[in-house]
């Protein structure tokens, strides 16, 4: 029976079931970014990976994921989001099986690169499916609240799960655990998700754009990785940054000239979406550095086991879930996004400010727990409207690539955060040892004091970065309270009107 315009605009009756499988896939991708960190020392020993090459277990994933995200987002628009989502999940499961069965370094690094490549297909397809499935403003707020909580808290879940699996089973299970996640999500998506009509982009693929964006993003992410290991002034680091700038500028030039661009500049240049990408990327810089510092502080200084360390992050997860589902989702339909994002980042900055007081003898209950609660509440409140606003009012043909930009800003932010804050911490640690070595009687105590001083110094930078995020959110994002209207989506990618009207929430100015 053909759909009339009225029935086409009706919400998908299976949308809440669809959310379960989309959220499950998102959780798998996000926790995979941290779960392997816990297992890395054991895997390195078993497979005989050298200290010089062990970073590639993390870097291979980050390079493939960050470099291919825009390509993955456009594939979702052209090929269909549901199909891309299912293929991404099955590919991720296969790559995880390969990683878990790895017998040498090459097999491990190859599996991580494959995980990143299939993750780059999966992540933008998941977010764009959410954007086109939930058409009612209030329902959309709840759905993005749940998605935002998972996107923010999944990394900490990875630390807990990674600790359990490594301590009680084997590091290989940090890979094998992805397989049931992926199969359940793929089967559920195949049978439950119904992609709206008229949202496909039939334009030819922009091959020069794919090549330039992939190489430019890979050079940028790898540049920050090299900065962490070799230093900011090293020839290789500077060369990678210059190459990245040239490639990304060439990419922008090509996109402004070609008929069917990979990343239409209309997606990027709209001030609200641009504000979201920028503020979110900066906020992630501060968060990624913090995860790393707190993990080392709790395990090395406090002597926590991997499992205890994972559980120590639970207040942050609780704060994120509360901020996303109870604060952000409830207020999103009543106030403008900037009044959730700006204050959210400021509350997170307050939590980060508490952590600048970190010392060897700091109490978990007295300092780390309240700081984590504030961080989680603030980030959860800010992430939810940011995720939603990034795809708000977007034409259906661009939903995949707009979603990919959210993931790209987070992925690049994570790479920058790890390298930048680690470098600051290492420099402050070295300076502390140099200035206190003369009068020190206990070398081990001096090392611990220097390490904590380094973390505190880097966390001050994270506070500043969050304040910049809040400023960008409050000044650049200028939309009003969300309203609901009907807009015609273009399913052809050529500017022609779509056959069906999609009821998509847009922001009222």
Protein backbone atom coordinates (compact mmCIF):
# COMPACT_ATOMS: atom_id res chain seq x y z
CA UNK A 1 0.00 0.00 0.00
CA UNK A 2 1.54 3.36 -1.06
CA UNK A 3 2.27 5.88 1.66
CA UNK A 4 0.35 9.13 1.68
CA UNK A 5 2.07 12.29 2.93
CA UNK A 6 0.19 11.87 6.22
CA UNK A 7 1.31 8.29 6.86
CA UNK A 8 4.86 9.14 5.78
CA UNK A 9 5.01 11.73 8.55
CA UNK A 10 3.88 9.28 11.27
CA UNK A 11 6.58 8.28 13.76
CA UNK A 12 8.11 4.83 13.44
CA UNK A 13 6.20 2.48 15.82
CA UNK A 14 9.44 0.55 16.50
CA UNK A 15 11.51 3.67 17.27
CA UNK A 16 12.14 2.84 20.96
CA UNK A 17 13.20 -0.71 20.11
CA UNK A 18 15.49 0.78 17.45
CA UNK A 19 17.04 3.05 20.10
CA UNK A 20 18.06 -0.02 22.15
CA UNK A 21 20.10 -1.46 19.26
CA UNK A 22 21.55 1.91 18.20
CA UNK A 23 22.58 2.63 21.81
CA UNK A 24 24.09 -0.86 22.16
CA UNK A 25 26.24 -0.28 19.06
CA UNK A 26 27.32 3.16 20.33
CA UNK A 27 28.27 1.66 23.71
CA UNK A 28 30.41 -0.97 21.97
CA UNK A 29 32.32 1.62 19.91
CA UNK A 30 32.87 4.01 22.84
CA UNK A 31 33.93 1.40 25.39
CA UNK A 32 36.34 -0.12 22.85
CA UNK A 33 38.31 3.12 22.98
CA UNK A 34 39.21 2.50 26.66
CA UNK A 35 38.76 -1.24 27.26
CA UNK A 36 41.94 -2.09 25.35
CA UNK A 37 44.00 0.37 27.46
CA UNK A 38 43.50 -1.82 30.54
CA UNK A 39 44.41 -5.00 28.62
CA UNK A 40 47.41 -3.53 26.76
CA UNK A 41 50.19 -4.49 29.23
CA UNK A 42 49.08 -8.16 29.22
CA UNK A 43 48.64 -8.27 25.42
CA UNK A 44 52.03 -6.63 24.90
CA UNK A 45 53.74 -9.30 27.01
CA UNK A 46 51.91 -12.24 25.37
CA UNK A 47 52.50 -11.10 21.78
CA UNK A 48 56.03 -9.77 22.27
CA UNK A 49 55.16 -6.21 21.19
CA UNK A 50 58.05 -3.80 21.82
CA UNK A 51 57.65 -0.69 24.00
CA UNK A 52 58.26 1.45 20.91
CA UNK A 53 55.40 -0.23 19.01
CA UNK A 54 52.83 -0.72 21.79
CA UNK A 55 51.29 2.74 21.16
CA UNK A 56 50.26 1.45 17.72
CA UNK A 57 47.65 -0.82 19.33
CA UNK A 58 45.84 2.42 20.30
CA UNK A 59 47.04 4.58 17.38
CA UNK A 60 46.05 2.13 14.59
CA UNK A 61 42.44 2.24 15.81
CA UNK A 62 42.43 6.03 16.25
CA UNK A 63 43.95 6.71 12.82
CA UNK A 64 41.54 4.45 10.91
CA UNK A 65 38.52 5.64 12.90
CA UNK A 66 39.33 9.36 12.81
CA UNK A 67 40.59 9.35 9.22
CA UNK A 68 37.64 7.48 7.68
CA UNK A 69 34.73 9.04 9.61
CA UNK A 70 33.70 11.57 6.95
CA UNK A 71 33.91 8.88 4.28
CA UNK A 72 31.80 6.57 6.49
CA UNK A 73 29.21 9.30 7.03
CA UNK A 74 28.83 9.92 3.30
CA UNK A 75 28.66 6.16 2.57
CA UNK A 76 25.73 6.02 5.03
CA UNK A 77 23.98 8.83 3.12
CA UNK A 78 24.55 7.18 -0.28
CA UNK A 79 24.20 3.48 0.54
CA UNK A 80 21.53 3.76 3.23
CA UNK A 81 22.03 4.23 6.97
CA UNK A 82 20.52 0.91 8.05
CA UNK A 83 22.60 -1.13 5.60
CA UNK A 84 25.80 0.76 6.52
CA UNK A 85 25.01 0.30 10.23
CA UNK A 86 24.56 -3.49 9.91
CA UNK A 87 27.67 -3.94 7.72
CA UNK A 88 29.69 -1.79 10.15
CA UNK A 89 28.56 -3.94 13.09
CA UNK A 90 29.33 -7.26 11.40
CA UNK A 91 32.72 -5.99 10.21
CA UNK A 92 33.51 -4.74 13.72
CA UNK A 93 32.64 -8.18 15.13
CA UNK A 94 34.93 -9.91 12.61
CA UNK A 95 37.80 -7.49 13.34
CA UNK A 96 37.31 -8.04 17.09
CA UNK A 97 37.45 -11.84 16.60
CA UNK A 98 40.73 -11.36 14.69
CA UNK A 99 42.15 -9.20 17.52
CA UNK A 100 41.14 -11.71 20.18
CA UNK A 101 42.76 -14.55 18.23
CA UNK A 102 45.94 -12.54 17.43
CA UNK A 103 49.15 -14.59 17.60
CA UNK A 104 51.61 -11.83 16.71
CA UNK A 105 52.07 -8.04 16.56
CA UNK A 106 51.07 -7.65 12.88
CA UNK A 107 47.78 -9.53 13.40
CA UNK A 108 46.95 -7.37 16.43
CA UNK A 109 47.72 -4.06 14.69
CA UNK A 110 45.81 -5.12 11.56
CA UNK A 111 42.74 -6.07 13.60
CA UNK A 112 42.81 -2.70 15.40
CA UNK A 113 42.98 -0.80 12.09
CA UNK A 114 40.04 -2.88 10.79
CA UNK A 115 38.07 -2.16 13.98
CA UNK A 116 38.67 1.56 13.41
CA UNK A 117 37.60 1.35 9.74
CA UNK A 118 34.33 -0.47 10.52
CA UNK A 119 33.76 1.84 13.50
CA UNK A 120 33.98 4.77 11.07
CA UNK A 121 31.10 3.20 9.09
CA UNK A 122 29.08 2.36 12.16
CA UNK A 123 29.30 5.49 14.34
CA UNK A 124 27.90 8.13 11.91
CA UNK A 125 25.23 5.69 10.68
CA UNK A 126 24.07 5.18 14.31
CA UNK A 127 23.72 8.90 15.06
CA UNK A 128 22.05 9.73 11.73
CA UNK A 129 19.57 6.84 12.18
CA UNK A 130 18.65 8.36 15.53
CA UNK A 131 18.25 11.79 13.92
CA UNK A 132 15.80 10.55 11.25
CA UNK A 133 13.94 8.03 13.47
CA UNK A 134 12.86 10.39 16.28
CA UNK A 135 10.77 13.17 14.79
CA UNK A 136 8.88 14.47 17.85
CA UNK A 137 10.80 17.13 19.80
CA UNK A 138 10.10 15.70 23.27
CA UNK A 139 10.83 12.11 22.21
CA UNK A 140 13.94 13.27 20.40
CA UNK A 141 15.15 14.93 23.62
CA UNK A 142 14.74 11.67 25.57
CA UNK A 143 16.41 9.59 22.84
CA UNK A 144 19.40 11.92 22.57
CA UNK A 145 19.58 12.06 26.38
CA UNK A 146 20.11 8.30 26.49
CA UNK A 147 22.51 8.39 23.53
CA UNK A 148 24.48 11.28 25.07
CA UNK A 149 24.81 9.47 28.41
CA UNK A 150 26.20 6.40 26.63
CA UNK A 151 28.56 8.48 24.46
CA UNK A 152 29.90 10.22 27.58
CA UNK A 153 29.92 7.31 30.04
CA UNK A 154 30.90 4.45 27.74
CA UNK A 155 34.61 5.12 28.22
CA UNK A 156 34.32 4.61 31.98
CA UNK A 157 32.25 1.44 31.44
CA UNK A 158 35.16 0.24 29.28
CA UNK A 159 37.55 0.73 32.21
CA UNK A 160 35.35 -1.40 34.52
CA UNK A 161 34.74 -4.13 31.95
CA UNK A 162 38.38 -4.11 30.85
CA UNK A 163 39.49 -4.49 34.47
CA UNK A 164 37.17 -7.44 35.11
CA UNK A 165 38.01 -9.26 31.88
CA UNK A 166 41.77 -8.78 32.20
CA UNK A 167 41.92 -9.63 35.91
CA UNK A 168 39.58 -12.64 35.96
CA UNK A 169 39.66 -14.04 32.40
CA UNK A 170 42.23 -12.99 29.79
CA UNK A 171 43.11 -9.87 27.77
CA UNK A 172 41.69 -11.60 24.65
CA UNK A 173 38.18 -11.25 26.10
CA UNK A 174 38.43 -7.45 25.80
CA UNK A 175 38.15 -8.17 22.04
CA UNK A 176 35.80 -11.17 22.12
CA UNK A 177 33.27 -9.25 24.27
CA UNK A 178 32.46 -7.07 21.22
CA UNK A 179 31.15 -10.04 19.22
CA UNK A 180 27.85 -10.63 21.13
CA UNK A 181 27.30 -6.83 21.33
CA UNK A 182 27.70 -6.52 17.55
CA UNK A 183 25.64 -9.58 16.57
CA UNK A 184 22.69 -8.65 18.82
CA UNK A 185 22.76 -5.01 17.61
CA UNK A 186 23.03 -6.07 13.92
CA UNK A 187 20.17 -8.61 14.16
CA UNK A 188 17.98 -6.13 16.04
CA UNK A 189 18.73 -3.35 13.55
CA UNK A 190 18.01 -5.60 10.56
CA UNK A 191 14.57 -6.62 11.84
CA UNK A 192 13.47 -3.51 13.75
CA UNK A 193 14.91 -0.33 12.16
CA UNK A 194 12.90 1.20 9.33
CA UNK A 195 14.70 3.94 7.44
CA UNK A 196 12.43 6.84 6.33
CA UNK A 197 11.75 7.13 2.61
CA UNK A 198 13.39 9.89 0.58
CA UNK A 199 16.46 10.34 2.78
CA UNK A 200 19.03 8.69 0.49
CA UNK A 201 21.67 10.81 -1.25
CA UNK A 202 22.08 9.57 -4.85
CA UNK A 203 25.03 11.83 -5.69
CA UNK A 204 28.27 10.29 -7.01
CA UNK A 205 31.01 9.85 -4.41
CA UNK A 206 33.54 12.71 -4.19
CA UNK A 207 36.79 10.69 -4.55
CA UNK A 208 39.24 13.68 -4.27
CA UNK A 209 37.37 14.75 -1.11
CA UNK A 210 37.66 11.23 0.36
CA UNK A 211 41.42 11.08 -0.32
CA UNK A 212 42.19 14.62 0.96
CA UNK A 213 40.03 14.38 4.10
CA UNK A 214 41.29 10.92 5.05
CA UNK A 215 44.97 11.81 4.58
CA UNK A 216 44.49 15.21 6.29
CA UNK A 217 42.76 13.74 9.36
CA UNK A 218 45.23 10.84 9.61
CA UNK A 219 48.15 13.31 9.48
CA UNK A 220 46.51 15.47 12.17
CA UNK A 221 45.78 12.58 14.57
CA UNK A 222 49.20 11.01 13.97
CA UNK A 223 50.87 14.41 14.45
CA UNK A 224 49.48 14.66 17.97
CA UNK A 225 50.49 11.06 18.67
CA UNK A 226 54.07 11.81 17.57
CA UNK A 227 54.06 15.04 19.61
CA UNK A 228 53.40 12.96 22.72
CA UNK A 229 56.28 10.55 22.07
CA UNK A 230 58.85 12.70 20.19
CA UNK A 231 58.05 16.25 21.36
CA UNK A 232 56.33 19.21 19.67
CA UNK A 233 59.46 20.55 17.99
CA UNK A 234 60.55 17.24 16.42
CA UNK A 235 60.86 17.32 12.61
CA UNK A 236 58.36 14.48 12.11
CA UNK A 237 55.76 16.19 14.35
CA UNK A 238 56.06 19.58 12.63
CA UNK A 239 56.04 17.92 9.19
CA UNK A 240 52.83 16.03 9.98
CA UNK A 241 51.10 19.20 11.19
CA UNK A 242 52.14 21.12 8.07
CA UNK A 243 51.01 18.24 5.82
CA UNK A 244 47.68 18.07 7.68
CA UNK A 245 47.08 21.83 7.28
CA UNK A 246 47.88 21.72 3.54
CA UNK A 247 45.69 18.64 2.93
CA UNK A 248 42.70 19.97 4.93
CA UNK A 249 42.90 23.40 3.24
CA UNK A 250 42.99 21.64 -0.15
CA UNK A 251 39.97 19.58 1.00
CA UNK A 252 37.98 22.74 1.85
CA UNK A 253 38.91 24.26 -1.53
CA UNK A 254 37.83 21.10 -3.42
CA UNK A 255 34.56 20.91 -1.45
CA UNK A 256 33.72 24.49 -2.43
CA UNK A 257 34.17 23.64 -6.14
CA UNK A 258 32.83 20.11 -6.76
CA UNK A 259 29.18 19.46 -7.65
CA UNK A 260 28.61 16.68 -5.06
CA UNK A 261 31.01 17.31 -2.15
CA UNK A 262 31.88 14.72 0.50
CA UNK A 263 31.30 17.37 3.20
CA UNK A 264 28.98 20.09 1.90
CA UNK A 265 30.21 23.34 3.43
CA UNK A 266 26.58 24.20 4.28
CA UNK A 267 26.81 21.51 7.00
CA UNK A 268 29.95 23.02 8.51
CA UNK A 269 29.36 26.75 8.08
CA UNK A 270 25.96 27.01 9.80
CA UNK A 271 27.01 28.78 13.02
CA UNK A 272 25.10 26.54 15.44
CA UNK A 273 26.45 23.28 14.05
CA UNK A 274 29.94 24.81 13.80
CA UNK A 275 29.63 25.91 17.44
CA UNK A 276 28.65 22.38 18.50
CA UNK A 277 31.54 20.73 16.64
CA UNK A 278 34.06 23.20 18.11
CA UNK A 279 32.82 23.26 21.72
CA UNK A 280 32.34 19.46 21.83
CA UNK A 281 35.81 18.80 20.39
CA UNK A 282 37.41 21.09 22.99
CA UNK A 283 35.44 19.52 25.86
CA UNK A 284 36.56 16.04 24.79
CA UNK A 285 40.21 17.22 24.89
CA UNK A 286 39.86 17.87 28.63
CA UNK A 287 37.90 14.65 29.32
CA UNK A 288 40.30 12.24 27.56
CA UNK A 289 43.31 13.64 29.40
CA UNK A 290 41.48 13.33 32.71
CA UNK A 291 40.55 9.65 32.18
CA UNK A 292 44.22 8.91 31.60
CA UNK A 293 45.50 10.88 34.61
CA UNK A 294 42.94 9.52 37.06
CA UNK A 295 43.56 5.94 35.89
CA UNK A 296 47.32 6.30 36.52
CA UNK A 297 46.80 8.20 39.79
CA UNK A 298 44.46 5.57 41.23
CA UNK A 299 46.55 2.58 40.09
CA UNK A 300 50.12 3.84 40.61
CA UNK A 301 49.79 6.35 43.47
CA UNK A 302 46.82 4.83 45.34
CA UNK A 303 47.56 1.19 44.43
CA UNK A 304 44.03 0.37 43.14
CA UNK A 305 43.55 -2.82 41.10
CA UNK A 306 42.17 -2.52 37.52
CA UNK A 307 38.68 -3.53 38.76
CA UNK A 308 38.76 -1.05 41.67
CA UNK A 309 39.91 1.67 39.26
CA UNK A 310 36.96 0.95 36.98
CA UNK A 311 34.51 1.15 39.87
CA UNK A 312 36.13 4.39 41.05
CA UNK A 313 34.81 6.00 37.83
CA UNK A 314 31.18 5.06 38.59
CA UNK A 315 30.26 8.48 40.08
CA UNK A 316 31.18 10.09 36.76
CA UNK A 317 28.95 7.65 34.86
CA UNK A 318 26.09 8.27 37.33
CA UNK A 319 26.55 12.02 36.89
CA UNK A 320 26.53 11.74 33.09
CA UNK A 321 23.37 9.62 33.03
CA UNK A 322 21.63 12.03 35.42
CA UNK A 323 22.82 15.09 33.49
CA UNK A 324 21.71 13.67 30.12
CA UNK A 325 18.39 12.02 30.98
CA UNK A 326 17.13 14.02 33.97
CA UNK A 327 18.48 17.54 33.35
CA UNK A 328 19.27 17.85 29.63
CA UNK A 329 16.33 15.85 28.26
CA UNK A 330 13.79 17.51 30.61
CA UNK A 331 14.96 21.07 29.91
CA UNK A 332 15.80 20.73 26.22
CA UNK A 333 12.27 21.50 25.04
CA UNK A 334 11.97 24.46 27.44
CA UNK A 335 15.24 26.37 27.09
CA UNK A 336 17.66 27.23 24.28
CA UNK A 337 20.54 24.72 23.79
CA UNK A 338 23.21 27.26 24.72
CA UNK A 339 21.69 27.61 28.21
CA UNK A 340 22.25 23.89 28.75
CA UNK A 341 25.62 23.57 27.02
CA UNK A 342 27.29 26.70 28.48
CA UNK A 343 26.36 26.07 32.14
CA UNK A 344 27.01 22.34 31.63
CA UNK A 345 30.60 22.99 30.57
CA UNK A 346 31.00 25.45 33.48
CA UNK A 347 29.83 22.84 36.03
CA UNK A 348 32.27 20.35 34.48
CA UNK A 349 35.03 23.00 34.75
CA UNK A 350 34.19 23.37 38.47
CA UNK A 351 34.64 19.60 38.92
CA UNK A 352 37.94 19.79 37.04
CA UNK A 353 39.00 22.74 39.24
CA UNK A 354 38.59 20.56 42.34
CA UNK A 355 41.02 18.04 40.81
CA UNK A 356 43.76 20.67 40.52
CA UNK A 357 44.06 20.22 44.32
CA UNK A 358 45.12 16.57 43.85
CA UNK A 359 47.90 15.41 46.18
CA UNK A 360 49.40 12.03 47.11
CA UNK A 361 47.22 11.77 50.23
CA UNK A 362 44.00 13.17 48.68
CA UNK A 363 40.84 11.45 49.89
CA UNK A 364 38.73 9.66 47.26
CA UNK A 365 35.47 10.47 49.08
CA UNK A 366 36.50 14.03 49.95
CA UNK A 367 37.90 15.18 46.59
CA UNK A 368 37.76 12.71 43.68
CA UNK A 369 34.13 11.59 44.16
CA UNK A 370 32.55 15.11 44.28
CA UNK A 371 34.79 16.24 41.40
CA UNK A 372 33.62 13.30 39.27
CA UNK A 373 29.96 13.94 40.10
CA UNK A 374 30.27 17.58 38.98
CA UNK A 375 32.17 16.56 35.84
CA UNK A 376 29.57 13.93 34.95
CA UNK A 377 26.58 16.18 35.61
CA UNK A 378 28.07 19.02 33.60
CA UNK A 379 29.20 16.92 30.64
CA UNK A 380 25.95 14.91 30.54
CA UNK A 381 23.87 18.10 30.53
CA UNK A 382 25.99 19.63 27.74
CA UNK A 383 26.46 16.50 25.58
CA UNK A 384 22.77 15.80 25.14
CA UNK A 385 21.71 19.05 23.41
CA UNK A 386 25.05 19.08 21.54
CA UNK A 387 24.37 15.64 20.01
CA UNK A 388 20.86 16.66 19.04
CA UNK A 389 21.74 20.14 17.73
CA UNK A 390 24.51 18.73 15.53
CA UNK A 391 21.86 17.05 13.30
CA UNK A 392 18.94 19.43 13.90
CA UNK A 393 17.36 20.95 10.83
CA UNK A 394 19.77 19.08 8.57
CA UNK A 395 18.49 17.84 5.22
CA UNK A 396 18.06 14.03 5.30
CA UNK A 397 20.61 13.65 2.45
CA UNK A 398 23.29 15.20 4.74
CA UNK A 399 22.37 13.45 8.03
CA UNK A 400 25.20 10.90 7.78
CA UNK A 401 27.99 13.37 7.12
CA UNK A 402 26.67 15.80 9.80
CA UNK A 403 26.73 12.90 12.27
CA UNK A 404 30.24 12.01 11.13
CA UNK A 405 31.40 15.55 11.99
CA UNK A 406 30.25 15.05 15.62
CA UNK A 407 32.29 11.86 15.83
CA UNK A 408 35.25 13.48 14.03
CA UNK A 409 35.34 16.40 16.50
CA UNK A 410 35.29 13.90 19.40
CA UNK A 411 37.93 11.60 17.88
CA UNK A 412 40.32 14.43 16.98
CA UNK A 413 39.62 16.03 20.38
CA UNK A 414 40.53 12.76 22.09
CA UNK A 415 43.83 12.47 20.19
CA UNK A 416 44.71 16.11 20.92
CA UNK A 417 43.72 15.76 24.59
CA UNK A 418 45.83 12.67 25.20
CA UNK A 419 48.92 14.17 23.51
CA UNK A 420 48.61 17.78 24.71
CA UNK A 421 47.79 17.12 28.38
CA UNK A 422 50.26 14.22 28.61
CA UNK A 423 53.04 16.47 27.29
CA UNK A 424 52.15 19.24 29.78
CA UNK A 425 52.06 16.72 32.65
CA UNK A 426 55.41 15.18 31.66
CA UNK A 427 57.11 18.61 31.41
CA UNK A 428 55.75 19.69 34.84
CA UNK A 429 56.86 16.36 36.37
CA UNK A 430 60.42 16.75 35.01
CA UNK A 431 60.61 20.37 36.22
CA UNK A 432 59.38 19.38 39.71
CA UNK A 433 62.04 16.64 40.05
CA UNK A 434 64.76 19.02 38.86
CA UNK A 435 63.81 21.71 41.42
CA UNK A 436 63.25 19.34 44.39
CA UNK A 437 65.94 16.68 43.82
CA UNK A 438 68.61 18.41 45.95
CA UNK A 439 66.74 18.22 49.26
CA UNK A 440 64.94 14.88 48.65
CA UNK A 441 65.64 11.94 50.98
CA UNK A 442 63.12 9.48 49.52
CA UNK A 443 63.43 9.12 45.75
CA UNK A 444 60.26 7.02 45.40
CA UNK A 445 58.22 9.64 47.28
CA UNK A 446 59.72 12.41 45.13
CA UNK A 447 58.72 10.53 41.95
CA UNK A 448 55.12 10.15 43.20
CA UNK A 449 54.92 13.82 44.27
CA UNK A 450 56.29 14.92 40.88
CA UNK A 451 53.79 12.73 39.03
CA UNK A 452 50.82 14.15 40.96
CA UNK A 453 52.16 17.70 40.49
CA UNK A 454 52.33 17.00 36.74
CA UNK A 455 48.71 15.79 36.66
CA UNK A 456 47.51 18.84 38.61
CA UNK A 457 49.38 21.19 36.23
CA UNK A 458 47.78 19.55 33.17
CA UNK A 459 44.33 19.62 34.81
CA UNK A 460 44.63 23.43 35.13
CA UNK A 461 44.86 23.50 31.32
CA UNK A 462 41.80 21.25 31.11
CA UNK A 463 39.89 23.77 33.27
CA UNK A 464 40.84 26.55 30.84
CA UNK A 465 39.79 24.46 27.82
CA UNK A 466 36.36 23.80 29.38
CA UNK A 467 35.93 27.54 30.03
CA UNK A 468 36.63 28.17 26.32
CA UNK A 469 34.06 25.47 25.44
CA UNK A 470 31.46 27.21 27.62
CA UNK A 471 32.26 30.60 26.03
CA UNK A 472 31.89 29.19 22.49
CA UNK A 473 28.57 27.50 23.40
CA UNK A 474 27.15 30.70 24.93
CA UNK A 475 28.29 33.05 22.15
CA UNK A 476 28.36 31.08 18.88
CA UNK A 477 25.24 28.96 19.39
CA UNK A 478 22.32 31.36 19.05
CA UNK A 479 19.24 29.20 18.39
CA UNK A 480 16.15 29.47 20.53
CA UNK A 481 13.99 26.84 22.18
CA UNK A 482 13.29 23.81 19.91
CA UNK A 483 10.05 23.85 17.96
CA UNK A 484 8.49 21.38 15.56
CA UNK A 485 7.79 22.00 11.92
CA UNK A 486 7.55 20.09 8.67
CA UNK A 487 10.35 20.49 6.19
CA UNK A 488 10.80 18.85 2.85
CA UNK A 489 13.89 16.69 2.66
CA UNK A 490 15.79 16.08 -0.50
CA UNK A 491 16.39 12.45 -1.14
CA UNK A 492 18.21 12.83 -4.43
CA UNK A 493 21.20 14.83 -3.35
CA UNK A 494 20.69 17.06 -6.41
CA UNK A 495 18.50 19.72 -4.88
CA UNK A 496 15.21 18.24 -6.08
CA UNK A 497 12.29 17.95 -3.66
CA UNK A 498 11.76 14.61 -1.98
CA UNK A 499 8.62 12.66 -2.68
CA UNK A 500 7.71 12.48 0.99
CA UNK A 501 7.80 15.19 3.63
CA UNK A 502 9.67 14.24 6.77
CA UNK A 503 8.54 15.75 10.02
CA UNK A 504 11.91 16.81 11.44
CA UNK A 505 12.38 19.06 14.47
CA UNK A 506 14.15 22.31 13.75
CA UNK A 507 15.30 25.07 16.05
CA UNK A 508 13.11 28.15 16.20
CA UNK A 509 15.06 31.39 16.00
